[in-house]
Amino acid sequence: TIHNIPEGMAIGVAVASASMGNSLISATAVLALGIGLQNLPEGAAV
């Protein structure tokens, strides 16, 4: 749970950044995809 908190925060900050015109929505999607891919082995590691 401690490990996952910054990952969730990173997604939230990326969404906020996209909404303010500082980044693309696609960048948020890529970040979510990357975190999702690393969560596959992480789920198994739990």
All heavy atoms as atom14 arrays in JSON, in Angstrom:
{
  "sequence": "TIHNIPEGMAIGVAVASASMGNSLISATAVLALGIGLQNLPEGAAV",
  "atom14_mask": [
    [1, 1, 1, 1, 1, 1, 1, 0, 0, 0, 0, 0, 0, 0],
    [1, 1, 1, 1, 1, 1, 1, 1, 0, 0, 0, 0, 0, 0],
    [1, 1, 1, 1, 1, 1, 1, 1, 1, 1, 0, 0, 0, 0],
    [1, 1, 1, 1, 1, 1, 1, 1, 0, 0, 0, 0, 0, 0],
    [1, 1, 1, 1, 1, 1, 1, 1, 0, 0, 0, 0, 0, 0],
    [1, 1, 1, 1, 1, 1, 1, 0, 0, 0, 0, 0, 0, 0],
    [1, 1, 1, 1, 1, 1, 1, 1, 1, 0, 0, 0, 0, 0],
    [1, 1, 1, 1, 0, 0, 0, 0, 0, 0, 0, 0, 0, 0],
    [1, 1, 1, 1, 1, 1, 1, 1, 0, 0, 0, 0, 0, 0],
    [1, 1, 1, 1, 1, 0, 0, 0, 0, 0, 0, 0, 0, 0],
    [1, 1, 1, 1, 1, 1, 1, 1, 0, 0, 0, 0, 0, 0],
    [1, 1, 1, 1, 0, 0, 0, 0, 0, 0, 0, 0, 0, 0],
    [1, 1, 1, 1, 1, 1, 1, 0, 0, 0, 0, 0, 0, 0],
    [1, 1, 1, 1, 1, 0, 0, 0, 0, 0, 0, 0, 0, 0],
    [1, 1, 1, 1, 1, 1, 1, 0, 0, 0, 0, 0, 0, 0],
    [1, 1, 1, 1, 1, 0, 0, 0, 0, 0, 0, 0, 0, 0],
    [1, 1, 1, 1, 1, 1, 0, 0, 0, 0, 0, 0, 0, 0],
    [1, 1, 1, 1, 1, 0, 0, 0, 0, 0, 0, 0, 0, 0],
    [1, 1, 1, 1, 1, 1, 0, 0, 0, 0, 0, 0, 0, 0],
    [1, 1, 1, 1, 1, 1, 1, 1, 0, 0, 0, 0, 0, 0],
    [1, 1, 1, 1, 0, 0, 0, 0, 0, 0, 0, 0, 0, 0],
    [1, 1, 1, 1, 1, 1, 1, 1, 0, 0, 0, 0, 0, 0],
    [1, 1, 1, 1, 1, 1, 0, 0, 0, 0, 0, 0, 0, 0],
    [1, 1, 1, 1, 1, 1, 1, 1, 0, 0, 0, 0, 0, 0],
    [1, 1, 1, 1, 1, 1, 1, 1, 0, 0, 0, 0, 0, 0],
    [1, 1, 1, 1, 1, 1, 0, 0, 0, 0, 0, 0, 0, 0],
    [1, 1, 1, 1, 1, 0, 0, 0, 0, 0, 0, 0, 0, 0],
    [1, 1, 1, 1, 1, 1, 1, 0, 0, 0, 0, 0, 0, 0],
    [1, 1, 1, 1, 1, 0, 0, 0, 0, 0, 0, 0, 0, 0],
    [1, 1, 1, 1, 1, 1, 1, 0, 0, 0, 0, 0, 0, 0],
    [1, 1, 1, 1, 1, 1, 1, 1, 0, 0, 0, 0, 0, 0],
    [1, 1, 1, 1, 1, 0, 0, 0, 0, 0, 0, 0, 0, 0],
    [1, 1, 1, 1, 1, 1, 1, 1, 0, 0, 0, 0, 0, 0],
    [1, 1, 1, 1, 0, 0, 0, 0, 0, 0, 0, 0, 0, 0],
    [1, 1, 1, 1, 1, 1, 1, 1, 0, 0, 0, 0, 0, 0],
    [1, 1, 1, 1, 0, 0, 0, 0, 0, 0, 0, 0, 0, 0],
    [1, 1, 1, 1, 1, 1, 1, 1, 0, 0, 0, 0, 0, 0],
    [1, 1, 1, 1, 1, 1, 1, 1, 1, 0, 0, 0, 0, 0],
    [1, 1, 1, 1, 1, 1, 1, 1, 0, 0, 0, 0, 0, 0],
    [1, 1, 1, 1, 1, 1, 1, 1, 0, 0, 0, 0, 0, 0],
    [1, 1, 1, 1, 1, 1, 1, 0, 0, 0, 0, 0, 0, 0],
    [1, 1, 1, 1, 1, 1, 1, 1, 1, 0, 0, 0, 0, 0],
    [1, 1, 1, 1, 0, 0, 0, 0, 0, 0, 0, 0, 0, 0],
    [1, 1, 1, 1, 1, 0, 0, 0, 0, 0, 0, 0, 0, 0],
    [1, 1, 1, 1, 1, 0, 0, 0, 0, 0, 0, 0, 0, 0],
    [1, 1, 1, 1, 1, 1, 1, 0, 0, 0, 0, 0, 0, 0]
  ],
  "atom14_positions": [
    [[0.83, -1.2, 0.0], [0.0, 0.0, 0.0], [0.87, 1.26, 0.0], [0.62, 2.21, -0.75], [-0.93, 0.01, 1.23], [-1.79, -1.13, 1.18], [-1.78, 1.27, 1.25], [0.0, 0.0, 0.0], [0.0, 0.0, 0.0], [0.0, 0.0, 0.0], [0.0, 0.0, 0.0], [0.0, 0.0, 0.0], [0.0, 0.0, 0.0], [0.0, 0.0, 0.0]],
    [[1.92, 1.27, 0.83], [2.85, 2.39, 0.86], [3.48, 2.58, -0.52], [3.6, 3.69, -1.03], [3.94, 2.15, 1.92], [3.33, 2.19, 3.32], [5.06, 3.19, 1.8], [4.3, 1.78, 4.41], [0.0, 0.0, 0.0], [0.0, 0.0, 0.0], [0.0, 0.0, 0.0], [0.0, 0.0, 0.0], [0.0, 0.0, 0.0], [0.0, 0.0, 0.0]],
    [[3.84, 1.46, -1.14], [4.46, 1.45, -2.47], [3.52, 2.06, -3.5], [3.95, 2.8, -4.4], [4.77, -0.02, -2.79], [5.34, -0.25, -4.15], [6.22, -1.27, -4.4], [5.16, 0.37, -5.35], [6.56, -1.26, -5.68], [5.92, -0.28, -6.27], [0.0, 0.0, 0.0], [0.0, 0.0, 0.0], [0.0, 0.0, 0.0], [0.0, 0.0, 0.0]],
    [[2.21, 1.79, -3.4], [1.26, 2.21, -4.42], [0.79, 3.65, -4.29], [0.26, 4.21, -5.25], [0.04, 1.27, -4.41], [0.35, -0.08, -5.01], [1.26, -0.22, -5.83], [-0.39, -1.1, -4.62], [0.0, 0.0, 0.0], [0.0, 0.0, 0.0], [0.0, 0.0, 0.0], [0.0, 0.0, 0.0], [0.0, 0.0, 0.0], [0.0, 0.0, 0.0]],
    [[0.96, 4.25, -3.13], [0.49, 5.63, -2.94], [1.12, 6.58, -3.95], [0.4, 7.35, -4.62], [0.74, 6.09, -1.49], [-0.23, 5.38, -0.55], [0.57, 7.6, -1.38], [0.04, 5.66, 0.92], [0.0, 0.0, 0.0], [0.0, 0.0, 0.0], [0.0, 0.0, 0.0], [0.0, 0.0, 0.0], [0.0, 0.0, 0.0], [0.0, 0.0, 0.0]],
    [[2.46, 6.61, -4.11], [3.03, 7.55, -5.08], [2.62, 7.26, -6.52], [2.57, 8.19, -7.34], [4.54, 7.4, -4.89], [4.73, 6.09, -4.22], [3.51, 5.89, -3.37], [0.0, 0.0, 0.0], [0.0, 0.0, 0.0], [0.0, 0.0, 0.0], [0.0, 0.0, 0.0], [0.0, 0.0, 0.0], [0.0, 0.0, 0.0], [0.0, 0.0, 0.0]],
    [[2.32, 6.02, -6.84], [1.87, 5.71, -8.19], [0.51, 6.34, -8.46], [0.26, 6.93, -9.53], [1.81, 4.2, -8.39], [3.18, 3.52, -8.3], [3.08, 2.01, -8.36], [2.04, 1.5, -8.8], [4.05, 1.34, -7.95], [0.0, 0.0, 0.0], [0.0, 0.0, 0.0], [0.0, 0.0, 0.0], [0.0, 0.0, 0.0], [0.0, 0.0, 0.0]],
    [[-0.41, 6.22, -7.5], [-1.71, 6.86, -7.65], [-1.59, 8.37, -7.7], [-2.27, 9.04, -8.5], [0.0, 0.0, 0.0], [0.0, 0.0, 0.0], [0.0, 0.0, 0.0], [0.0, 0.0, 0.0], [0.0, 0.0, 0.0], [0.0, 0.0, 0.0], [0.0, 0.0, 0.0], [0.0, 0.0, 0.0], [0.0, 0.0, 0.0], [0.0, 0.0, 0.0]],
    [[-0.71, 8.92, -6.86], [-0.49, 10.37, -6.88], [0.06, 10.82, -8.23], [-0.33, 11.88, -8.74], [0.48, 10.76, -5.76], [-0.06, 10.6, -4.36], [1.18, 10.99, -3.1], [1.52, 12.7, -3.5], [0.0, 0.0, 0.0], [0.0, 0.0, 0.0], [0.0, 0.0, 0.0], [0.0, 0.0, 0.0], [0.0, 0.0, 0.0], [0.0, 0.0, 0.0]],
    [[0.96, 10.03, -8.8], [1.55, 10.38, -10.09], [0.47, 10.47, -11.17], [0.48, 11.39, -12.01], [2.61, 9.36, -10.48], [0.0, 0.0, 0.0], [0.0, 0.0, 0.0], [0.0, 0.0, 0.0], [0.0, 0.0, 0.0], [0.0, 0.0, 0.0], [0.0, 0.0, 0.0], [0.0, 0.0, 0.0], [0.0, 0.0, 0.0], [0.0, 0.0, 0.0]],
    [[-0.47, 9.54, -11.14], [-1.56, 9.57, -12.12], [-2.42, 10.81, -11.92], [-2.78, 11.51, -12.88], [-2.42, 8.3, -12.01], [-1.61, 7.08, -12.46], [-3.7, 8.42, -12.84], [-2.31, 5.75, -12.21], [0.0, 0.0, 0.0], [0.0, 0.0, 0.0], [0.0, 0.0, 0.0], [0.0, 0.0, 0.0], [0.0, 0.0, 0.0], [0.0, 0.0, 0.0]],
    [[-2.75, 11.11, -10.66], [-3.56, 12.29, -10.38], [-2.89, 13.58, -10.81], [-3.53, 14.47, -11.41], [0.0, 0.0, 0.0], [0.0, 0.0, 0.0], [0.0, 0.0, 0.0], [0.0, 0.0, 0.0], [0.0, 0.0, 0.0], [0.0, 0.0, 0.0], [0.0, 0.0, 0.0], [0.0, 0.0, 0.0], [0.0, 0.0, 0.0], [0.0, 0.0, 0.0]],
    [[-1.6, 13.7, -10.55], [-0.86, 14.9, -10.94], [-0.79, 15.0, -12.46], [-0.88, 16.09, -13.03], [0.56, 14.89, -10.32], [1.38, 16.04, -10.86], [0.47, 14.98, -8.8], [0.0, 0.0, 0.0], [0.0, 0.0, 0.0], [0.0, 0.0, 0.0], [0.0, 0.0, 0.0], [0.0, 0.0, 0.0], [0.0, 0.0, 0.0], [0.0, 0.0, 0.0]],
    [[-0.62, 13.86, -13.13], [-0.57, 13.87, -14.6], [-1.9, 14.33, -15.19], [-1.93, 15.09, -16.16], [-0.21, 12.47, -15.12], [0.0, 0.0, 0.0], [0.0, 0.0, 0.0], [0.0, 0.0, 0.0], [0.0, 0.0, 0.0], [0.0, 0.0, 0.0], [0.0, 0.0, 0.0], [0.0, 0.0, 0.0], [0.0, 0.0, 0.0], [0.0, 0.0, 0.0]],
    [[-3.01, 13.88, -14.6], [-4.33, 14.33, -15.06], [-4.48, 15.83, -14.85], [-4.96, 16.56, -15.73], [-5.45, 13.56, -14.33], [-6.82, 14.16, -14.65], [-5.43, 12.09, -14.71], [0.0, 0.0, 0.0], [0.0, 0.0, 0.0], [0.0, 0.0, 0.0], [0.0, 0.0, 0.0], [0.0, 0.0, 0.0], [0.0, 0.0, 0.0], [0.0, 0.0, 0.0]],
    [[-4.08, 16.31, -13.67], [-4.17, 17.74, -13.38], [-3.31, 18.54, -14.35], [-3.72, 19.61, -14.83], [-3.73, 18.0, -11.94], [0.0, 0.0, 0.0], [0.0, 0.0, 0.0], [0.0, 0.0, 0.0], [0.0, 0.0, 0.0], [0.0, 0.0, 0.0], [0.0, 0.0, 0.0], [0.0, 0.0, 0.0], [0.0, 0.0, 0.0], [0.0, 0.0, 0.0]],
    [[-2.12, 18.03, -14.66], [-1.23, 18.72, -15.59], [-1.85, 18.8, -16.98], [-1.79, 19.84, -17.65], [0.11, 17.99, -15.67], [0.99, 18.62, -16.57], [0.0, 0.0, 0.0], [0.0, 0.0, 0.0], [0.0, 0.0, 0.0], [0.0, 0.0, 0.0], [0.0, 0.0, 0.0], [0.0, 0.0, 0.0], [0.0, 0.0, 0.0], [0.0, 0.0, 0.0]],
    [[-2.47, 17.71, -17.43], [-3.1, 17.69, -18.75], [-4.27, 18.68, -18.8], [-4.48, 19.37, -19.8], [-3.58, 16.29, -19.08], [0.0, 0.0, 0.0], [0.0, 0.0, 0.0], [0.0, 0.0, 0.0], [0.0, 0.0, 0.0], [0.0, 0.0, 0.0], [0.0, 0.0, 0.0], [0.0, 0.0, 0.0], [0.0, 0.0, 0.0], [0.0, 0.0, 0.0]],
    [[-5.02, 18.77, -17.7], [-6.18, 19.66, -17.67], [-5.77, 21.12, -17.72], [-6.55, 21.99, -18.12], [-7.01, 19.4, -16.41], [-6.34, 19.86, -15.25], [0.0, 0.0, 0.0], [0.0, 0.0, 0.0], [0.0, 0.0, 0.0], [0.0, 0.0, 0.0], [0.0, 0.0, 0.0], [0.0, 0.0, 0.0], [0.0, 0.0, 0.0], [0.0, 0.0, 0.0]],
    [[-4.54, 21.42, -17.29], [-4.05, 22.81, -17.27], [-3.25, 23.15, -18.52], [-2.62, 24.21, -18.6], [-3.19, 23.04, -16.02], [-3.94, 22.85, -14.73], [-2.83, 22.84, -13.3], [-3.9, 22.12, -12.05], [0.0, 0.0, 0.0], [0.0, 0.0, 0.0], [0.0, 0.0, 0.0], [0.0, 0.0, 0.0], [0.0, 0.0, 0.0], [0.0, 0.0, 0.0]],
    [[-3.21, 22.21, -19.47], [-2.52, 22.47, -20.72], [-1.03, 22.32, -20.67], [-0.33, 22.72, -21.59], [0.0, 0.0, 0.0], [0.0, 0.0, 0.0], [0.0, 0.0, 0.0], [0.0, 0.0, 0.0], [0.0, 0.0, 0.0], [0.0, 0.0, 0.0], [0.0, 0.0, 0.0], [0.0, 0.0, 0.0], [0.0, 0.0, 0.0], [0.0, 0.0, 0.0]],
    [[-0.51, 21.71, -19.59], [0.94, 21.54, -19.46], [1.44, 20.23, -20.07], [2.64, 20.01, -20.16], [1.34, 21.61, -17.98], [1.15, 23.0, -17.41], [1.85, 23.92, -17.78], [0.16, 23.14, -16.55], [0.0, 0.0, 0.0], [0.0, 0.0, 0.0], [0.0, 0.0, 0.0], [0.0, 0.0, 0.0], [0.0, 0.0, 0.0], [0.0, 0.0, 0.0]],
    [[0.55, 19.35, -20.42], [0.95, 18.09, -21.05], [-0.24, 17.54, -21.82], [-1.36, 18.04, -21.69], [1.41, 17.07, -20.0], [0.34, 16.7, -19.16], [0.0, 0.0, 0.0], [0.0, 0.0, 0.0], [0.0, 0.0, 0.0], [0.0, 0.0, 0.0], [0.0, 0.0, 0.0], [0.0, 0.0, 0.0], [0.0, 0.0, 0.0], [0.0, 0.0, 0.0]],
    [[0.0, 16.53, -22.62], [-1.05, 15.92, -23.41], [-1.79, 14.86, -22.62], [-1.23, 14.22, -21.72], [-0.45, 15.28, -24.66], [0.28, 16.22, -25.63], [0.94, 15.42, -26.74], [-0.69, 17.25, -26.2], [0.0, 0.0, 0.0], [0.0, 0.0, 0.0], [0.0, 0.0, 0.0], [0.0, 0.0, 0.0], [0.0, 0.0, 0.0], [0.0, 0.0, 0.0]],
    [[-3.07, 14.69, -22.95], [-3.84, 13.62, -22.32], [-3.21, 12.28, -22.64], [-3.21, 11.35, -21.82], [-5.31, 13.67, -22.79], [-5.99, 14.94, -22.25], [-6.08, 12.43, -22.33], [-7.43, 15.11, -22.7], [0.0, 0.0, 0.0], [0.0, 0.0, 0.0], [0.0, 0.0, 0.0], [0.0, 0.0, 0.0], [0.0, 0.0, 0.0], [0.0, 0.0, 0.0]],
    [[-2.62, 12.16, -23.85], [-1.98, 10.9, -24.23], [-0.83, 10.57, -23.3], [-0.54, 9.4, -23.04], [-1.47, 10.98, -25.67], [-0.51, 12.02, -25.82], [0.0, 0.0, 0.0], [0.0, 0.0, 0.0], [0.0, 0.0, 0.0], [0.0, 0.0, 0.0], [0.0, 0.0, 0.0], [0.0, 0.0, 0.0], [0.0, 0.0, 0.0], [0.0, 0.0, 0.0]],
    [[-0.14, 11.59, -22.77], [0.96, 11.36, -21.83], [0.44, 10.73, -20.55], [1.09, 9.87, -19.95], [1.68, 12.66, -21.53], [0.0, 0.0, 0.0], [0.0, 0.0, 0.0], [0.0, 0.0, 0.0], [0.0, 0.0, 0.0], [0.0, 0.0, 0.0], [0.0, 0.0, 0.0], [0.0, 0.0, 0.0], [0.0, 0.0, 0.0], [0.0, 0.0, 0.0]],
    [[-0.75, 11.16, -20.11], [-1.38, 10.57, -18.93], [-1.73, 9.12, -19.19], [-1.53, 8.25, -18.33], [-2.65, 11.35, -18.55], [-2.33, 12.73, -18.35], [-3.27, 10.79, -17.29], [0.0, 0.0, 0.0], [0.0, 0.0, 0.0], [0.0, 0.0, 0.0], [0.0, 0.0, 0.0], [0.0, 0.0, 0.0], [0.0, 0.0, 0.0], [0.0, 0.0, 0.0]],
    [[-2.24, 8.85, -20.4], [-2.59, 7.48, -20.75], [-1.36, 6.59, -20.78], [-1.4, 5.44, -20.33], [-3.29, 7.45, -22.11], [0.0, 0.0, 0.0], [0.0, 0.0, 0.0], [0.0, 0.0, 0.0], [0.0, 0.0, 0.0], [0.0, 0.0, 0.0], [0.0, 0.0, 0.0], [0.0, 0.0, 0.0], [0.0, 0.0, 0.0], [0.0, 0.0, 0.0]],
    [[-0.24, 7.11, -21.28], [1.01, 6.34, -21.33], [1.5, 6.05, -19.91], [1.95, 4.94, -19.62], [2.09, 7.1, -22.12], [3.46, 6.46, -21.94], [1.72, 7.12, -23.61], [0.0, 0.0, 0.0], [0.0, 0.0, 0.0], [0.0, 0.0, 0.0], [0.0, 0.0, 0.0], [0.0, 0.0, 0.0], [0.0, 0.0, 0.0], [0.0, 0.0, 0.0]],
    [[1.41, 7.06, -19.03], [1.83, 6.84, -17.65], [0.97, 5.76, -16.99], [1.49, 4.86, -16.31], [1.72, 8.14, -16.85], [2.04, 8.05, -15.36], [3.48, 7.6, -15.15], [1.78, 9.39, -14.67], [0.0, 0.0, 0.0], [0.0, 0.0, 0.0], [0.0, 0.0, 0.0], [0.0, 0.0, 0.0], [0.0, 0.0, 0.0], [0.0, 0.0, 0.0]],
    [[-0.35, 5.83, -17.2], [-1.24, 4.82, -16.63], [-0.93, 3.44, -17.2], [-0.95, 2.44, -16.48], [-2.7, 5.2, -16.9], [0.0, 0.0, 0.0], [0.0, 0.0, 0.0], [0.0, 0.0, 0.0], [0.0, 0.0, 0.0], [0.0, 0.0, 0.0], [0.0, 0.0, 0.0], [0.0, 0.0, 0.0], [0.0, 0.0, 0.0], [0.0, 0.0, 0.0]],
    [[-0.63, 3.39, -18.51], [-0.29, 2.11, -19.13], [0.99, 1.55, -18.53], [1.06, 0.35, -18.21], [-0.12, 2.3, -20.64], [0.32, 1.07, -21.44], [-0.68, -0.07, -21.27], [0.5, 1.43, -22.91], [0.0, 0.0, 0.0], [0.0, 0.0, 0.0], [0.0, 0.0, 0.0], [0.0, 0.0, 0.0], [0.0, 0.0, 0.0], [0.0, 0.0, 0.0]],
    [[1.99, 2.4, -18.36], [3.25, 1.94, -17.78], [3.09, 1.43, -16.37], [3.59, 0.36, -16.01], [0.0, 0.0, 0.0], [0.0, 0.0, 0.0], [0.0, 0.0, 0.0], [0.0, 0.0, 0.0], [0.0, 0.0, 0.0], [0.0, 0.0, 0.0], [0.0, 0.0, 0.0], [0.0, 0.0, 0.0], [0.0, 0.0, 0.0], [0.0, 0.0, 0.0]],
    [[2.37, 2.19, -15.54], [2.14, 1.76, -14.16], [1.3, 0.49, -14.14], [1.53, -0.42, -13.34], [1.46, 2.89, -13.36], [2.43, 4.05, -13.17], [0.97, 2.38, -12.0], [1.84, 5.26, -12.46], [0.0, 0.0, 0.0], [0.0, 0.0, 0.0], [0.0, 0.0, 0.0], [0.0, 0.0, 0.0], [0.0, 0.0, 0.0], [0.0, 0.0, 0.0]],
    [[0.33, 0.41, -15.06], [-0.48, -0.81, -15.14], [0.36, -2.03, -15.49], [0.19, -3.1, -14.9], [0.0, 0.0, 0.0], [0.0, 0.0, 0.0], [0.0, 0.0, 0.0], [0.0, 0.0, 0.0], [0.0, 0.0, 0.0], [0.0, 0.0, 0.0], [0.0, 0.0, 0.0], [0.0, 0.0, 0.0], [0.0, 0.0, 0.0], [0.0, 0.0, 0.0]],
    [[1.28, -1.87, -16.43], [2.15, -2.99, -16.81], [3.02, -3.45, -15.65], [3.21, -4.64, -15.44], [3.02, -2.58, -18.0], [2.32, -2.44, -19.36], [3.27, -1.9, -20.39], [1.75, -3.79, -19.8], [0.0, 0.0, 0.0], [0.0, 0.0, 0.0], [0.0, 0.0, 0.0], [0.0, 0.0, 0.0], [0.0, 0.0, 0.0], [0.0, 0.0, 0.0]],
    [[3.54, -2.51, -14.87], [4.37, -2.92, -13.74], [3.51, -3.45, -12.6], [4.0, -4.15, -11.73], [5.28, -1.77, -13.3], [4.6, -0.61, -12.62], [4.67, -0.7, -11.11], [5.48, -1.43, -10.56], [3.8, 0.03, -10.45], [0.0, 0.0, 0.0], [0.0, 0.0, 0.0], [0.0, 0.0, 0.0], [0.0, 0.0, 0.0], [0.0, 0.0, 0.0]],
    [[2.21, -3.13, -12.6], [1.34, -3.68, -11.57], [1.0, -5.15, -11.82], [0.58, -5.85, -10.89], [0.04, -2.87, -11.48], [0.2, -1.62, -10.65], [1.25, -1.38, -10.07], [-0.84, -0.81, -10.59], [0.0, 0.0, 0.0], [0.0, 0.0, 0.0], [0.0, 0.0, 0.0], [0.0, 0.0, 0.0], [0.0, 0.0, 0.0], [0.0, 0.0, 0.0]],
    [[1.17, -5.61, -13.05], [0.92, -7.03, -13.33], [1.86, -7.92, -12.52], [1.39, -8.78, -11.75], [1.05, -7.29, -14.83], [-0.03, -6.69, -15.72], [0.36, -6.83, -17.2], [-1.37, -7.38, -15.48], [0.0, 0.0, 0.0], [0.0, 0.0, 0.0], [0.0, 0.0, 0.0], [0.0, 0.0, 0.0], [0.0, 0.0, 0.0], [0.0, 0.0, 0.0]],
    [[3.18, -7.76, -12.64], [4.06, -8.56, -11.79], [3.98, -8.18, -10.32], [4.19, -9.01, -9.44], [5.46, -8.28, -12.36], [5.35, -6.98, -13.06], [3.96, -6.93, -13.61], [0.0, 0.0, 0.0], [0.0, 0.0, 0.0], [0.0, 0.0, 0.0], [0.0, 0.0, 0.0], [0.0, 0.0, 0.0], [0.0, 0.0, 0.0], [0.0, 0.0, 0.0]],
    [[3.65, -6.91, -10.05], [3.55, -6.48, -8.65], [2.4, -7.18, -7.94], [2.5, -7.57, -6.78], [3.37, -4.97, -8.58], [3.39, -4.41, -7.18], [3.3, -2.91, -7.17], [4.32, -2.25, -7.37], [2.17, -2.4, -7.0], [0.0, 0.0, 0.0], [0.0, 0.0, 0.0], [0.0, 0.0, 0.0], [0.0, 0.0, 0.0], [0.0, 0.0, 0.0]],
    [[1.28, -7.34, -8.65], [0.15, -8.06, -8.06], [0.52, -9.49, -7.71], [0.15, -10.02, -6.66], [0.0, 0.0, 0.0], [0.0, 0.0, 0.0], [0.0, 0.0, 0.0], [0.0, 0.0, 0.0], [0.0, 0.0, 0.0], [0.0, 0.0, 0.0], [0.0, 0.0, 0.0], [0.0, 0.0, 0.0], [0.0, 0.0, 0.0], [0.0, 0.0, 0.0]],
    [[1.29, -10.11, -8.61], [1.77, -11.47, -8.34], [2.73, -11.5, -7.17], [2.73, -12.44, -6.36], [2.45, -12.03, -9.59], [0.0, 0.0, 0.0], [0.0, 0.0, 0.0], [0.0, 0.0, 0.0], [0.0, 0.0, 0.0], [0.0, 0.0, 0.0], [0.0, 0.0, 0.0], [0.0, 0.0, 0.0], [0.0, 0.0, 0.0], [0.0, 0.0, 0.0]],
    [[3.54, -10.44, -7.04], [4.52, -10.37, -5.95], [3.84, -10.22, -4.59], [4.48, -10.42, -3.56], [5.48, -9.22, -6.18], [0.0, 0.0, 0.0], [0.0, 0.0, 0.0], [0.0, 0.0, 0.0], [0.0, 0.0, 0.0], [0.0, 0.0, 0.0], [0.0, 0.0, 0.0], [0.0, 0.0, 0.0], [0.0, 0.0, 0.0], [0.0, 0.0, 0.0]],
    [[2.55, -9.88, -4.59], [1.8, -9.81, -3.33], [1.09, -11.13, -3.05], [1.18, -11.68, -1.96], [0.76, -8.66, -3.39], [-0.02, -8.6, -2.08], [1.44, -7.34, -3.66], [0.0, 0.0, 0.0], [0.0, 0.0, 0.0], [0.0, 0.0, 0.0], [0.0, 0.0, 0.0], [0.0, 0.0, 0.0], [0.0, 0.0, 0.0], [0.0, 0.0, 0.0]]
  ]
}
